[in-house]
Amino acid sequence: MRTALVIGTGLIGTSAALALAARGVVVHLADHDPEQARTAAALGAGTDEAPEGPVDLAIVAAPPAHVAGTLADAMRRGLARGYLDVASVKGGPRRELEALGLDLTPYIGTHPMSGREKSGPLAASGDLFEGRPWVLTPTRDTDTEVLNLALELVSHCRAVPVVMDADAHDRAVALVSHMPHLVSSMVAARLEHAEETAVRLCGQGIRDVTRIAASDPRMWIDILSANPGPVADLLADVSADLDETVRALRALQSSDEAKRREGAGGIEDVLRRGNAGQVRVPGKHGSAPRVYEVVAVLIDDQPGQLARIFADAGMAGVNIEDVRIEHATGQQAGLVQLMVEPKAVPVLGAALRERGWALRQ
């Protein structure tokens, strides 16, 4: 691939353009908002000048509702040898293109499984997709050359290609992305009118659960409008679990010992099922989940503290597998939780104490 056209210079489009440009591909940028394309170009993602002739690959990074129309326009104008989109829903756009009577041999639907809560070109990063799955949904009609161009794009973005059927993909993302986003939003909505004294008690747990609720509602309306059925089916299952959990909690309030035992059993069932599901979530780099232990370090909220901790861990020869930060309410201090291999705990603990860090037992 020598040339590419990215149509839609938001987070995903600009991130892909940055990755391609960094690897020597001549990238042309287009957007319904010319100022957004100019911003992406200023970031080094390519040029906002139109290509003089057909490019090797056109990448449509428009909202799901506009993907088919944007692709159809690009294909009718002959802008590229191959075409793909990066929308988070795959079955709908493909069926819309089929209904338009277009030749779909030069097209493949794709979806990079990566993103951020922020949108727009200023939130983009050339390494956004690194190590993340990038779903490809070829059909029997997809030209081999186009599939190879898509694989080359995935390689340039250092993502991991995953081939799926389009409708199976839509059911899968409903489960692992779309439904969880709505549940996160519903939990976060409980905080909107909560008393300030309660909100001030928020810890890492509520931050973890509500983090993705910070995303742009307009973007998510577009996404959910393109995949409502599978998401609604999953939420119906969650609703049934909620009903059973509410009944179990009410039973725990009963003065009847048998009802309390029944209620405890119901709560234990949902918690155990949650345990069973959570362990299936892939671990680091998509591998089987690993069990890490925590070394908790008390820090002041001052510049350079985290860098010092990581440097000291490196000097001790310990790899930090993951990190979480819990800020103390009303204080300029926090608790850094360093996740490491179990055998590294005593080594890291001793090294940090030696360097003056206060560890929490």
Protein backbone atom coordinates (compact mmCIF):
# COMPACT_ATOMS: atom_id res chain seq x y z
CA MET A 1 0.00 0.00 0.00
CA ARG A 2 1.48 3.29 -1.12
CA THR A 3 -1.53 5.63 -0.91
CA ALA A 4 -4.68 5.83 1.21
CA LEU A 5 -7.70 8.08 1.63
CA VAL A 6 -9.22 8.40 5.09
CA ILE A 7 -12.79 9.70 4.96
CA GLY A 8 -13.74 10.86 8.45
CA THR A 9 -11.03 12.35 10.64
CA GLY A 10 -12.34 11.64 14.10
CA LEU A 11 -10.58 9.53 16.72
CA ILE A 12 -10.45 6.27 14.73
CA GLY A 13 -9.83 7.73 11.27
CA THR A 14 -7.09 10.07 12.42
CA SER A 15 -5.43 7.36 14.52
CA ALA A 16 -5.32 5.02 11.50
CA ALA A 17 -3.99 7.86 9.34
CA LEU A 18 -1.25 8.63 11.86
CA ALA A 19 -0.18 4.98 11.91
CA LEU A 20 -0.12 4.78 8.09
CA ALA A 21 1.72 8.08 7.67
CA ALA A 22 4.36 6.97 10.19
CA ARG A 23 5.04 3.95 7.98
CA GLY A 24 5.52 5.92 4.78
CA VAL A 25 2.04 5.68 3.27
CA VAL A 26 0.85 8.87 1.54
CA VAL A 27 -2.43 9.60 3.32
CA HIS A 28 -5.14 11.94 2.04
CA LEU A 29 -7.71 13.20 4.55
CA ALA A 30 -11.34 14.14 3.95
CA ASP A 31 -14.16 15.08 6.30
CA HIS A 32 -17.57 16.74 6.08
CA ASP A 33 -15.99 19.34 8.38
CA PRO A 34 -12.92 20.65 6.52
CA GLU A 35 -11.55 22.19 9.71
CA GLN A 36 -11.40 18.75 11.32
CA ALA A 37 -9.44 17.39 8.34
CA ARG A 38 -7.03 20.34 8.58
CA THR A 39 -6.55 19.60 12.27
CA ALA A 40 -5.71 15.98 11.52
CA ALA A 41 -3.26 17.09 8.82
CA ALA A 42 -1.59 19.50 11.26
CA LEU A 43 -1.08 16.54 13.63
CA GLY A 44 0.92 14.72 10.94
CA ALA A 45 -1.83 12.35 9.81
CA GLY A 46 -1.49 13.28 6.12
CA THR A 47 -2.67 15.98 3.75
CA ASP A 48 -6.14 17.45 3.41
CA GLU A 49 -5.58 17.87 -0.34
CA ALA A 50 -7.59 15.55 -2.56
CA PRO A 51 -5.68 12.76 -4.33
CA GLU A 52 -5.02 13.24 -8.05
CA GLY A 53 -6.25 9.78 -8.91
CA PRO A 54 -7.47 6.54 -7.30
CA VAL A 55 -5.61 5.57 -4.12
CA ASP A 56 -4.81 2.03 -3.08
CA LEU A 57 -7.24 1.97 -0.14
CA ALA A 58 -10.13 4.18 0.99
CA ILE A 59 -10.91 3.96 4.72
CA VAL A 60 -14.36 5.18 5.69
CA ALA A 61 -14.43 6.24 9.34
CA ALA A 62 -17.95 7.67 9.47
CA PRO A 63 -20.71 6.96 12.04
CA PRO A 64 -22.60 3.69 11.29
CA ALA A 65 -25.67 5.52 9.96
CA HIS A 66 -23.56 7.25 7.29
CA VAL A 67 -21.19 4.42 6.36
CA ALA A 68 -23.19 2.96 3.47
CA GLY A 69 -23.89 6.33 1.89
CA THR A 70 -20.29 7.47 2.22
CA LEU A 71 -18.96 4.19 0.82
CA ALA A 72 -21.43 4.23 -2.07
CA ASP A 73 -20.38 7.75 -3.02
CA ALA A 74 -16.67 6.88 -2.86
CA MET A 75 -17.15 3.69 -4.91
CA ARG A 76 -19.22 5.40 -7.59
CA ARG A 77 -16.54 8.06 -7.91
CA GLY A 78 -13.82 5.41 -8.22
CA LEU A 79 -11.69 6.91 -5.47
CA ALA A 80 -9.73 3.74 -4.68
CA ARG A 81 -8.82 0.19 -5.68
CA GLY A 82 -10.17 -1.12 -2.36
CA TYR A 83 -12.65 0.13 0.22
CA LEU A 84 -13.27 -0.62 3.88
CA ASP A 85 -15.07 0.90 6.81
CA VAL A 86 -14.19 0.87 10.50
CA ALA A 87 -17.68 1.21 11.98
CA SER A 88 -18.52 -0.70 15.14
CA VAL A 89 -21.48 -2.45 13.45
CA LYS A 90 -21.01 -4.58 10.34
CA GLY A 91 -24.19 -6.34 9.21
CA GLY A 92 -26.34 -3.25 8.65
CA PRO A 93 -23.94 -1.28 6.42
CA ARG A 94 -23.25 -4.36 4.28
CA ARG A 95 -26.96 -4.98 3.73
CA GLU A 96 -27.48 -1.30 2.85
CA LEU A 97 -24.74 -1.51 0.24
CA GLU A 98 -26.28 -4.68 -1.20
CA ALA A 99 -29.66 -2.93 -1.42
CA LEU A 100 -28.02 -0.13 -3.42
CA GLY A 101 -26.96 -2.72 -6.00
CA LEU A 102 -23.24 -1.99 -5.73
CA ASP A 103 -20.48 -4.39 -6.70
CA LEU A 104 -19.03 -5.36 -3.32
CA THR A 105 -15.95 -7.23 -4.54
CA PRO A 106 -13.69 -4.22 -3.73
CA TYR A 107 -15.19 -3.79 -0.22
CA ILE A 108 -14.58 -5.36 3.18
CA GLY A 109 -16.15 -4.43 6.50
CA THR A 110 -13.76 -4.06 9.44
CA HIS A 111 -13.84 -2.95 13.07
CA PRO A 112 -10.82 -2.08 15.21
CA MET A 113 -11.66 -3.02 18.82
CA SER A 114 -10.09 0.04 20.35
CA GLY A 115 -11.11 3.53 21.34
CA ARG A 116 -11.21 6.17 24.02
CA GLU A 117 -13.84 8.10 25.94
CA LYS A 118 -12.80 11.23 24.02
CA SER A 119 -13.52 11.81 20.34
CA GLY A 120 -12.12 13.94 17.53
CA PRO A 121 -8.70 14.19 15.89
CA LEU A 122 -7.06 15.77 18.95
CA ALA A 123 -7.74 12.56 20.89
CA ALA A 124 -6.10 10.41 18.20
CA SER A 125 -2.90 8.42 18.58
CA GLY A 126 -0.84 6.41 16.13
CA ASP A 127 -0.55 3.56 18.62
CA LEU A 128 -4.26 3.42 19.51
CA PHE A 129 -4.68 -0.01 17.90
CA GLU A 130 -1.41 -1.61 18.96
CA GLY A 131 -2.00 -5.15 20.23
CA ARG A 132 -5.79 -4.78 19.93
CA PRO A 133 -8.09 -7.07 17.88
CA TRP A 134 -9.13 -5.71 14.49
CA VAL A 135 -12.11 -7.63 13.10
CA LEU A 136 -12.36 -8.33 9.36
CA THR A 137 -15.68 -9.51 7.89
CA PRO A 138 -14.99 -10.69 4.33
CA THR A 139 -17.67 -12.40 2.28
CA ARG A 140 -17.34 -14.89 -0.56
CA ASP A 141 -17.45 -11.90 -2.93
CA THR A 142 -14.56 -10.01 -1.31
CA ASP A 143 -11.62 -9.66 -3.68
CA THR A 144 -8.40 -11.23 -2.39
CA GLU A 145 -6.47 -8.03 -3.16
CA VAL A 146 -8.84 -6.03 -0.95
CA LEU A 147 -8.49 -8.52 1.89
CA ASN A 148 -4.72 -8.21 1.58
CA LEU A 149 -4.94 -4.40 1.67
CA ALA A 150 -7.04 -4.64 4.84
CA LEU A 151 -4.51 -7.00 6.40
CA GLU A 152 -1.74 -4.57 5.46
CA LEU A 153 -3.63 -1.75 7.19
CA VAL A 154 -4.01 -3.88 10.33
CA SER A 155 -0.30 -4.70 10.22
CA HIS A 156 0.69 -1.04 9.85
CA CYS A 157 -1.50 -0.23 12.87
CA ARG A 158 0.13 -3.13 14.79
CA ALA A 159 -3.26 -4.63 15.57
CA VAL A 160 -4.26 -8.31 15.60
CA PRO A 161 -6.51 -9.44 12.71
CA VAL A 162 -9.61 -11.48 13.62
CA VAL A 163 -11.87 -12.84 10.85
CA MET A 164 -15.59 -13.10 11.68
CA ASP A 165 -19.01 -13.22 10.06
CA ALA A 166 -20.59 -9.76 10.10
CA ASP A 167 -23.71 -10.69 12.07
CA ALA A 168 -21.69 -12.78 14.55
CA HIS A 169 -19.51 -9.72 15.04
CA ASP A 170 -22.53 -7.55 15.81
CA ARG A 171 -23.80 -10.01 18.41
CA ALA A 172 -20.33 -10.18 19.95
CA VAL A 173 -19.83 -6.41 20.25
CA ALA A 174 -23.31 -6.11 21.70
CA LEU A 175 -22.11 -8.40 24.49
CA VAL A 176 -18.63 -7.02 25.14
CA SER A 177 -19.09 -3.33 24.27
CA HIS A 178 -22.57 -1.96 23.60
CA MET A 179 -24.52 -3.54 26.46
CA PRO A 180 -21.77 -2.82 29.06
CA HIS A 181 -21.74 0.82 27.97
CA LEU A 182 -25.44 1.21 28.68
CA VAL A 183 -25.12 -0.58 32.04
CA SER A 184 -22.23 1.73 32.95
CA SER A 185 -24.35 4.74 32.01
CA MET A 186 -27.26 3.50 34.11
CA VAL A 187 -25.01 3.08 37.14
CA ALA A 188 -23.48 6.52 36.59
CA ALA A 189 -26.95 8.03 36.27
CA ARG A 190 -27.62 7.07 39.91
CA LEU A 191 -24.96 9.63 40.85
CA GLU A 192 -26.51 12.57 39.01
CA HIS A 193 -28.78 13.66 41.86
CA ALA A 194 -27.09 11.83 44.72
CA GLU A 195 -26.18 13.77 47.86
CA GLU A 196 -22.71 15.30 47.77
CA THR A 197 -21.73 13.52 50.96
CA ALA A 198 -22.38 10.18 49.22
CA VAL A 199 -20.55 11.14 46.01
CA ARG A 200 -17.49 12.16 48.00
CA LEU A 201 -17.15 8.55 49.13
CA CYS A 202 -16.59 7.33 45.54
CA GLY A 203 -13.64 4.97 45.33
CA GLN A 204 -11.91 2.99 42.63
CA GLY A 205 -14.78 0.52 42.27
CA ILE A 206 -17.33 3.10 41.15
CA ARG A 207 -14.70 4.77 38.96
CA ASP A 208 -14.02 1.44 37.20
CA VAL A 209 -17.72 0.76 36.63
CA THR A 210 -18.59 4.25 35.35
CA ARG A 211 -15.44 5.15 33.36
CA ILE A 212 -16.91 4.43 29.92
CA ALA A 213 -20.08 6.38 30.76
CA ALA A 214 -18.06 9.54 30.02
CA SER A 215 -18.23 8.90 26.25
CA ASP A 216 -20.04 11.20 23.79
CA PRO A 217 -23.80 10.40 23.89
CA ARG A 218 -24.28 11.47 20.25
CA MET A 219 -21.70 8.96 19.07
CA TRP A 220 -23.32 6.19 21.10
CA ILE A 221 -26.80 6.97 19.78
CA ASP A 222 -25.38 6.35 16.29
CA ILE A 223 -23.76 3.08 17.39
CA LEU A 224 -26.77 1.72 19.28
CA SER A 225 -29.19 2.74 16.53
CA ALA A 226 -27.24 0.44 14.21
CA ASN A 227 -27.32 -2.58 16.56
CA PRO A 228 -30.46 -2.28 18.73
CA GLY A 229 -31.78 -5.84 18.57
CA PRO A 230 -28.81 -7.78 19.99
CA VAL A 231 -28.28 -5.11 22.67
CA ALA A 232 -31.94 -5.21 23.70
CA ASP A 233 -31.83 -9.03 23.95
CA LEU A 234 -28.81 -8.86 26.27
CA LEU A 235 -30.34 -6.13 28.41
CA ALA A 236 -33.47 -8.27 28.77
CA ASP A 237 -31.27 -11.01 30.24
CA VAL A 238 -29.59 -8.48 32.55
CA SER A 239 -33.04 -7.23 33.56
CA ALA A 240 -34.09 -10.76 34.51
CA ASP A 241 -30.95 -11.12 36.63
CA LEU A 242 -31.69 -7.77 38.28
CA ASP A 243 -35.24 -8.85 39.11
CA GLU A 244 -33.96 -12.06 40.72
CA THR A 245 -31.29 -10.14 42.63
CA VAL A 246 -33.82 -7.62 43.94
CA ARG A 247 -36.04 -10.47 45.13
CA ALA A 248 -33.05 -12.12 46.84
CA LEU A 249 -32.13 -8.87 48.60
CA ARG A 250 -35.73 -8.38 49.77
CA ALA A 251 -35.67 -11.92 51.12
CA LEU A 252 -32.55 -11.06 53.14
CA GLN A 253 -34.65 -8.44 54.94
CA SER A 254 -37.18 -11.04 56.04
CA SER A 255 -37.55 -12.15 59.64
CA ASP A 256 -38.06 -15.69 58.32
CA GLU A 257 -34.80 -17.65 58.51
CA ALA A 258 -35.72 -19.86 55.52
CA LYS A 259 -36.35 -16.80 53.34
CA ARG A 260 -33.07 -15.25 54.43
CA ARG A 261 -31.22 -18.44 53.46
CA GLU A 262 -33.00 -18.43 50.11
CA GLY A 263 -32.05 -14.79 49.58
CA ALA A 264 -28.41 -15.43 50.47
CA GLY A 265 -28.37 -18.32 48.00
CA GLY A 266 -29.71 -16.08 45.25
CA ILE A 267 -27.04 -13.43 45.90
CA GLU A 268 -24.31 -16.07 46.05
CA ASP A 269 -25.49 -17.47 42.70
CA VAL A 270 -25.18 -14.15 40.85
CA LEU A 271 -21.82 -13.41 42.46
CA ARG A 272 -20.45 -16.84 41.55
CA ARG A 273 -21.72 -16.51 37.98
CA GLY A 274 -19.99 -13.14 37.87
CA ASN A 275 -16.75 -14.79 39.01
CA ALA A 276 -17.11 -17.43 36.29
CA GLY A 277 -17.65 -14.83 33.60
CA GLN A 278 -14.91 -12.50 34.74
CA VAL A 279 -12.19 -15.15 34.53
CA ARG A 280 -13.00 -15.56 30.83
CA VAL A 281 -11.98 -11.97 30.07
CA PRO A 282 -8.64 -12.17 28.21
CA GLY A 283 -5.58 -11.02 30.11
CA LYS A 284 -2.54 -9.03 29.04
CA HIS A 285 -1.95 -8.99 25.25
CA GLY A 286 -5.04 -11.19 24.81
CA SER A 287 -3.50 -14.16 26.59
CA ALA A 288 -5.16 -16.25 29.27
CA PRO A 289 -5.86 -14.17 32.39
CA ARG A 290 -3.10 -14.21 34.98
CA VAL A 291 -3.39 -13.79 38.73
CA TYR A 292 -1.29 -10.90 39.99
CA GLU A 293 -0.69 -9.68 43.52
CA VAL A 294 -0.81 -6.08 44.67
CA VAL A 295 1.93 -3.99 46.20
CA ALA A 296 0.19 -0.86 47.53
CA VAL A 297 2.26 2.32 47.87
CA LEU A 298 1.16 5.55 49.57
CA ILE A 299 2.16 8.64 47.59
CA ASP A 300 1.76 12.40 47.73
CA ASP A 301 -0.05 14.02 44.81
CA GLN A 302 3.04 15.70 43.40
CA PRO A 303 4.70 15.72 39.96
CA GLY A 304 7.10 12.88 39.30
CA GLN A 305 5.91 10.49 42.00
CA LEU A 306 4.72 7.78 39.60
CA ALA A 307 7.84 8.08 37.49
CA ARG A 308 9.97 7.55 40.61
CA ILE A 309 8.01 4.44 41.60
CA PHE A 310 8.33 2.91 38.11
CA ALA A 311 12.03 3.75 37.99
CA ASP A 312 12.61 2.17 41.41
CA ALA A 313 10.66 -0.94 40.35
CA GLY A 314 12.79 -1.13 37.20
CA MET A 315 16.00 -0.88 39.20
CA ALA A 316 14.74 -3.79 41.30
CA GLY A 317 14.21 -5.82 38.12
CA VAL A 318 10.43 -6.05 38.62
CA ASN A 319 7.96 -5.68 35.73
CA ILE A 320 4.76 -3.79 36.61
CA GLU A 321 1.95 -5.73 34.91
CA ASP A 322 -0.79 -3.20 35.68
CA VAL A 323 -1.38 -0.18 37.89
CA ARG A 324 -4.33 1.50 39.56
CA ILE A 325 -4.48 4.77 41.45
CA GLU A 326 -6.95 5.48 44.22
CA HIS A 327 -7.06 9.11 45.32
CA ALA A 328 -7.73 9.93 48.96
CA THR A 329 -10.90 11.96 49.50
CA GLY A 330 -10.12 15.52 50.52
CA GLN A 331 -6.36 14.97 50.64
CA GLN A 332 -3.49 15.59 48.24
CA ALA A 333 -2.47 11.94 48.48
CA GLY A 334 -3.28 8.61 46.98
CA LEU A 335 -2.70 4.87 46.92
CA VAL A 336 -0.90 3.34 43.96
CA GLN A 337 -1.67 -0.34 43.48
CA LEU A 338 1.10 -2.09 41.55
CA MET A 339 0.10 -5.46 40.07
CA VAL A 340 3.05 -7.85 39.80
CA GLU A 341 3.80 -11.56 39.57
CA PRO A 342 3.42 -13.20 43.02
CA LYS A 343 7.12 -14.10 43.20
CA ALA A 344 8.04 -10.44 42.66
CA VAL A 345 6.10 -9.13 45.69
CA PRO A 346 8.83 -9.55 48.34
CA VAL A 347 11.51 -8.23 45.97
CA LEU A 348 9.53 -5.13 45.04
CA GLY A 349 8.35 -4.51 48.60
CA ALA A 350 11.88 -4.61 49.98
CA ALA A 351 13.24 -2.39 47.20
CA LEU A 352 10.56 0.26 47.65
CA ARG A 353 10.93 0.35 51.42
CA GLU A 354 14.68 0.72 51.01
CA ARG A 355 14.07 3.74 48.80
CA GLY A 356 11.80 5.40 51.36
CA TRP A 357 8.34 4.52 50.07
CA ALA A 358 5.52 3.85 52.56
CA LEU A 359 3.77 0.57 51.78
CA ARG A 360 0.27 -0.30 52.85
CA GLN A 361 -0.17 -3.81 54.19
